[in-house]
Amino acid sequence: MASERFQSRRDFFLKAARRVVSEGGFQNLQMLTVAHAAGSAVGSLYRYFPSKADLCAALVARVSEREVAVLSFVADTDDDPGQRLADCVATFARRALRNRRLAYAMIAEPVDEAVDAVRLKYRAAISIVFQQLIEQGRRNGSFRTIDARLAAACITGAFMGAVVGPRAPANAED
């Protein structure tokens, strides 16, 4: 019961942190700001997240886990692997463009090294979803013989850069 309460409170603070980052990025994420957004004392927040870097890393993990789950769901259909790959990229882009500030924070905003390590872990997880689709397409003849791991890493990097880079569309309709 105590661990459920702990996790519930931790989730509550992560939701508050997500709201803060959605509005102003990691640059505006301060422990006091998150505590206020959660309607709590900063000391309470520190019980669940000993540092700002811990909070940022946990937030990146939470948001990224959700994105990996969504892409895995989209990839797990009976469509042609090429279509599923295109659907995954389009789904990610639509979701990212709905909250550009949060997407930039999760993908590219300069942060602590520990947060970057979490980002890389989830980029790799997304890349694995694409790698599996490429391997399926290679086996059924939809794709030519290529290094699926390298191709998946390139696709992942390209679409992430496209949604947060300087040439990213201003909104999801572009």
Foldseek 3Di string as FASTA:
>chain_A
DVVVVLVVVLVLLLVLQLVQQLVPRLVRDDLCSSCVSSVHHSVVVCVNAVHSLSSLLVNLLVVLVVLLVVLLVLCPDPDQLVVSLVVSLLVVLQVCQVRVSSLCRSAPDDDDPSSVVSSVVSLLSQLVSQLVSVVVCCVVVNDPDDNSSVVSNVVSVVSSCQNRPPNHDNGSVD
